[in-house]
Amino acid sequence: MEKAFVFIESIPDEVLKDDEVYQQWLQENIPAEWTTSLRVNWLECGTAVGAALIGSLPPAKILKLKETFKAAGGAVKFFQKFKSAFDDARKSGLSYADAVGVAARVSGGQAWPEVQQALLDFFAVGAVAAACGIGG
């Protein structure tokens, strides 16, 4: 997931203003190993799940995620906060979906009201992966 967050952070804001431009940019810029992993065996590749997530979200939600990452000090810092909060929530016995919600609120900080749905949409595919025994 961290690689997916860093990739989102790298998407130029101007690309996110038009869905067609965004989809073209994705085709030209998603790392080849992500798309290869997606075709060959995405079940074993977290970055492939990240690629699927990125491609499924509309540009406006990607822009909200980028704003959240920036407010948190960057995608890596956001991911570290998210992962720590998620791990703590899971250790306390919360389900995957509930732990995602808690971690998204914790890591989203003051930006939470504006980015709530973008974060929850992003992690929804991860919840499906976990429910199928392939997330983590």
C-alpha atoms as a PDB file:
ATOM      1  CA  MET A   1       0.000   0.000   0.000  1.00  0.00           C
ATOM      2  CA  GLU A   2       2.850   2.388   0.753  1.00  0.00           C
ATOM      3  CA  LYS A   3       3.996   2.205  -2.886  1.00  0.00           C
ATOM      4  CA  ALA A   4       0.452   2.987  -4.017  1.00  0.00           C
ATOM      5  CA  PHE A   5       0.323   6.033  -1.713  1.00  0.00           C
ATOM      6  CA  VAL A   6       3.673   7.307  -3.004  1.00  0.00           C
ATOM      7  CA  PHE A   7       2.455   6.786  -6.570  1.00  0.00           C
ATOM      8  CA  ILE A   8      -0.733   8.764  -5.858  1.00  0.00           C
ATOM      9  CA  GLU A   9       1.373  11.544  -4.401  1.00  0.00           C
ATOM     10  CA  SER A  10       3.353  11.696  -7.671  1.00  0.00           C
ATOM     11  CA  ILE A  11       0.314  12.210  -9.919  1.00  0.00           C
ATOM     12  CA  PRO A  12       0.355  15.798 -11.242  1.00  0.00           C
ATOM     13  CA  ASP A  13      -2.644  17.818 -10.060  1.00  0.00           C
ATOM     14  CA  GLU A  14      -3.367  19.040 -13.592  1.00  0.00           C
ATOM     15  CA  VAL A  15      -3.825  15.424 -14.731  1.00  0.00           C
ATOM     16  CA  LEU A  16      -6.581  15.000 -12.150  1.00  0.00           C
ATOM     17  CA  LYS A  17      -8.752  17.694 -13.712  1.00  0.00           C
ATOM     18  CA  ASP A  18      -9.909  15.488 -16.586  1.00  0.00           C
ATOM     19  CA  ASP A  19     -10.838  11.811 -16.362  1.00  0.00           C
ATOM     20  CA  GLU A  20      -9.624  10.964 -19.878  1.00  0.00           C
ATOM     21  CA  VAL A  21      -6.278  12.672 -19.302  1.00  0.00           C
ATOM     22  CA  TYR A  22      -6.005  10.882 -15.944  1.00  0.00           C
ATOM     23  CA  GLN A  23      -6.695   7.449 -17.467  1.00  0.00           C
ATOM     24  CA  GLN A  24      -4.146   8.109 -20.240  1.00  0.00           C
ATOM     25  CA  TRP A  25      -1.578   9.239 -17.667  1.00  0.00           C
ATOM     26  CA  LEU A  26      -2.174   6.062 -15.662  1.00  0.00           C
ATOM     27  CA  GLN A  27      -1.650   3.888 -18.746  1.00  0.00           C
ATOM     28  CA  GLU A  28       1.642   5.651 -19.426  1.00  0.00           C
ATOM     29  CA  ASN A  29       2.927   5.838 -15.846  1.00  0.00           C
ATOM     30  CA  ILE A  30       1.842   2.854 -13.760  1.00  0.00           C
ATOM     31  CA  PRO A  31       5.002   0.796 -13.266  1.00  0.00           C
ATOM     32  CA  ALA A  32       5.172  -2.158 -15.650  1.00  0.00           C
ATOM     33  CA  GLU A  33       5.696  -4.606 -12.791  1.00  0.00           C
ATOM     34  CA  TRP A  34       2.346  -3.555 -11.303  1.00  0.00           C
ATOM     35  CA  THR A  35       0.422  -4.332 -14.462  1.00  0.00           C
ATOM     36  CA  THR A  36       2.411  -7.511 -15.051  1.00  0.00           C
ATOM     37  CA  SER A  37       1.694  -8.636 -11.485  1.00  0.00           C
ATOM     38  CA  LEU A  38      -1.958  -7.810 -12.005  1.00  0.00           C
ATOM     39  CA  ARG A  39      -2.116 -10.044 -15.072  1.00  0.00           C
ATOM     40  CA  VAL A  40       0.062 -12.868 -13.786  1.00  0.00           C
ATOM     41  CA  ASN A  41      -0.778 -13.269 -10.100  1.00  0.00           C
ATOM     42  CA  TRP A  42      -2.242 -10.236  -8.378  1.00  0.00           C
ATOM     43  CA  LEU A  43      -3.156 -12.310  -5.339  1.00  0.00           C
ATOM     44  CA  GLU A  44       0.465 -12.262  -4.257  1.00  0.00           C
ATOM     45  CA  CYS A  45       1.206  -8.627  -4.989  1.00  0.00           C
ATOM     46  CA  GLY A  46       0.087  -5.776  -2.758  1.00  0.00           C
ATOM     47  CA  THR A  47       1.216  -3.200  -5.292  1.00  0.00           C
ATOM     48  CA  ALA A  48      -1.102  -4.739  -7.854  1.00  0.00           C
ATOM     49  CA  VAL A  49      -3.993  -4.200  -5.448  1.00  0.00           C
ATOM     50  CA  GLY A  50      -2.751  -0.617  -5.122  1.00  0.00           C
ATOM     51  CA  ALA A  51      -2.744  -0.229  -8.898  1.00  0.00           C
ATOM     52  CA  ALA A  52      -6.308  -1.502  -9.083  1.00  0.00           C
ATOM     53  CA  LEU A  53      -7.328   0.926  -6.352  1.00  0.00           C
ATOM     54  CA  ILE A  54      -5.702   3.873  -8.079  1.00  0.00           C
ATOM     55  CA  GLY A  55      -7.316   3.044 -11.392  1.00  0.00           C
ATOM     56  CA  SER A  56     -10.770   2.645  -9.852  1.00  0.00           C
ATOM     57  CA  LEU A  57     -10.975   5.980  -8.043  1.00  0.00           C
ATOM     58  CA  PRO A  58     -12.126   9.127  -9.839  1.00  0.00           C
ATOM     59  CA  PRO A  59      -9.558  11.928 -10.150  1.00  0.00           C
ATOM     60  CA  ALA A  60     -11.373  14.117  -7.597  1.00  0.00           C
ATOM     61  CA  LYS A  61     -10.886  11.468  -4.902  1.00  0.00           C
ATOM     62  CA  ILE A  62      -7.235  10.992  -5.859  1.00  0.00           C
ATOM     63  CA  LEU A  63      -6.782  14.754  -5.460  1.00  0.00           C
ATOM     64  CA  LYS A  64      -8.346  14.575  -1.969  1.00  0.00           C
ATOM     65  CA  LEU A  65      -5.967  11.751  -1.052  1.00  0.00           C
ATOM     66  CA  LYS A  66      -3.005  13.796  -2.286  1.00  0.00           C
ATOM     67  CA  GLU A  67      -4.145  16.726  -0.138  1.00  0.00           C
ATOM     68  CA  THR A  68      -4.370  14.400   2.856  1.00  0.00           C
ATOM     69  CA  PHE A  69      -0.885  13.026   2.233  1.00  0.00           C
ATOM     70  CA  LYS A  70       0.508  16.551   1.955  1.00  0.00           C
ATOM     71  CA  ALA A  71      -1.146  17.589   5.235  1.00  0.00           C
ATOM     72  CA  ALA A  72       0.338  14.514   6.928  1.00  0.00           C
ATOM     73  CA  GLY A  73       3.850  15.335   5.728  1.00  0.00           C
ATOM     74  CA  GLY A  74       3.820  13.041   2.699  1.00  0.00           C
ATOM     75  CA  ALA A  75       2.511   9.672   1.610  1.00  0.00           C
ATOM     76  CA  VAL A  76       5.111   7.688   3.542  1.00  0.00           C
ATOM     77  CA  LYS A  77       4.317   9.453   6.824  1.00  0.00           C
ATOM     78  CA  PHE A  78       0.606   9.031   6.190  1.00  0.00           C
ATOM     79  CA  PHE A  79       1.094   5.319   5.506  1.00  0.00           C
ATOM     80  CA  GLN A  80       3.193   4.873   8.660  1.00  0.00           C
ATOM     81  CA  LYS A  81       0.494   6.530  10.787  1.00  0.00           C
ATOM     82  CA  PHE A  82      -2.211   4.519   9.065  1.00  0.00           C
ATOM     83  CA  LYS A  83      -0.391   1.197   9.446  1.00  0.00           C
ATOM     84  CA  SER A  84       0.377   1.806  13.114  1.00  0.00           C
ATOM     85  CA  ALA A  85      -3.238   2.763  13.891  1.00  0.00           C
ATOM     86  CA  PHE A  86      -4.539  -0.162  11.818  1.00  0.00           C
ATOM     87  CA  ASP A  87      -2.269  -2.680  13.564  1.00  0.00           C
ATOM     88  CA  ASP A  88      -3.295  -1.340  16.988  1.00  0.00           C
ATOM     89  CA  ALA A  89      -6.976  -1.541  16.060  1.00  0.00           C
ATOM     90  CA  ARG A  90      -6.623  -5.129  14.815  1.00  0.00           C
ATOM     91  CA  LYS A  91      -4.736  -6.143  17.982  1.00  0.00           C
ATOM     92  CA  SER A  92      -7.607  -4.733  20.021  1.00  0.00           C
ATOM     93  CA  GLY A  93      -9.942  -7.146  18.242  1.00  0.00           C
ATOM     94  CA  LEU A  94     -11.584  -4.923  15.641  1.00  0.00           C
ATOM     95  CA  SER A  95     -12.592  -6.422  12.301  1.00  0.00           C
ATOM     96  CA  TYR A  96     -10.591  -5.488   9.201  1.00  0.00           C
ATOM     97  CA  ALA A  97     -13.242  -3.008   8.039  1.00  0.00           C
ATOM     98  CA  ASP A  98     -13.552  -1.365  11.466  1.00  0.00           C
ATOM     99  CA  ALA A  99      -9.766  -1.180  11.819  1.00  0.00           C
ATOM    100  CA  VAL A 100      -9.540   0.515   8.411  1.00  0.00           C
ATOM    101  CA  GLY A 101     -12.104   3.073   9.549  1.00  0.00           C
ATOM    102  CA  VAL A 102     -10.254   3.811  12.781  1.00  0.00           C
ATOM    103  CA  ALA A 103      -6.878   4.027  11.044  1.00  0.00           C
ATOM    104  CA  ALA A 104      -8.251   6.266   8.295  1.00  0.00           C
ATOM    105  CA  ARG A 105      -9.684   8.657  10.899  1.00  0.00           C
ATOM    106  CA  VAL A 106      -6.459   8.673  12.910  1.00  0.00           C
ATOM    107  CA  SER A 107      -4.158   9.160   9.923  1.00  0.00           C
ATOM    108  CA  GLY A 108      -6.503  11.600   8.161  1.00  0.00           C
ATOM    109  CA  GLY A 109      -6.312  13.981  11.115  1.00  0.00           C
ATOM    110  CA  GLN A 110      -8.019  17.330  10.652  1.00  0.00           C
ATOM    111  CA  ALA A 111      -8.546  16.587   6.967  1.00  0.00           C
ATOM    112  CA  TRP A 112     -10.839  13.698   7.938  1.00  0.00           C
ATOM    113  CA  PRO A 113     -14.218  15.311   7.144  1.00  0.00           C
ATOM    114  CA  GLU A 114     -13.139  16.281   3.621  1.00  0.00           C
ATOM    115  CA  VAL A 115     -11.365  13.052   2.722  1.00  0.00           C
ATOM    116  CA  GLN A 116     -13.391  10.478   4.613  1.00  0.00           C
ATOM    117  CA  GLN A 117     -15.074   8.935   1.590  1.00  0.00           C
ATOM    118  CA  ALA A 118     -11.924   9.005  -0.566  1.00  0.00           C
ATOM    119  CA  LEU A 119      -9.986   7.119   2.107  1.00  0.00           C
ATOM    120  CA  LEU A 120     -12.762   4.647   2.737  1.00  0.00           C
ATOM    121  CA  ASP A 121     -13.158   4.025  -1.011  1.00  0.00           C
ATOM    122  CA  PHE A 122      -9.419   3.500  -1.332  1.00  0.00           C
ATOM    123  CA  PHE A 123      -9.356   0.922   1.428  1.00  0.00           C
ATOM    124  CA  ALA A 124     -12.546  -0.825   0.342  1.00  0.00           C
ATOM    125  CA  VAL A 125     -10.682  -3.019  -2.160  1.00  0.00           C
ATOM    126  CA  GLY A 126      -8.212  -3.849   0.580  1.00  0.00           C
ATOM    127  CA  ALA A 127     -11.117  -4.982   2.727  1.00  0.00           C
ATOM    128  CA  VAL A 128     -12.243  -7.310  -0.052  1.00  0.00           C
ATOM    129  CA  ALA A 129      -8.712  -8.676  -0.335  1.00  0.00           C
ATOM    130  CA  ALA A 130      -8.562  -9.279   3.426  1.00  0.00           C
ATOM    131  CA  ALA A 131     -11.959 -10.941   3.434  1.00  0.00           C
ATOM    132  CA  CYS A 132     -10.675 -13.330   0.785  1.00  0.00           C
ATOM    133  CA  GLY A 133      -7.575 -14.084   2.869  1.00  0.00           C
ATOM    134  CA  ILE A 134      -5.189 -12.160   0.619  1.00  0.00           C
ATOM    135  CA  GLY A 135      -4.989  -8.759   2.320  1.00  0.00           C
ATOM    136  CA  GLY A 136      -2.731  -7.585   5.013  1.00  0.00           C
END
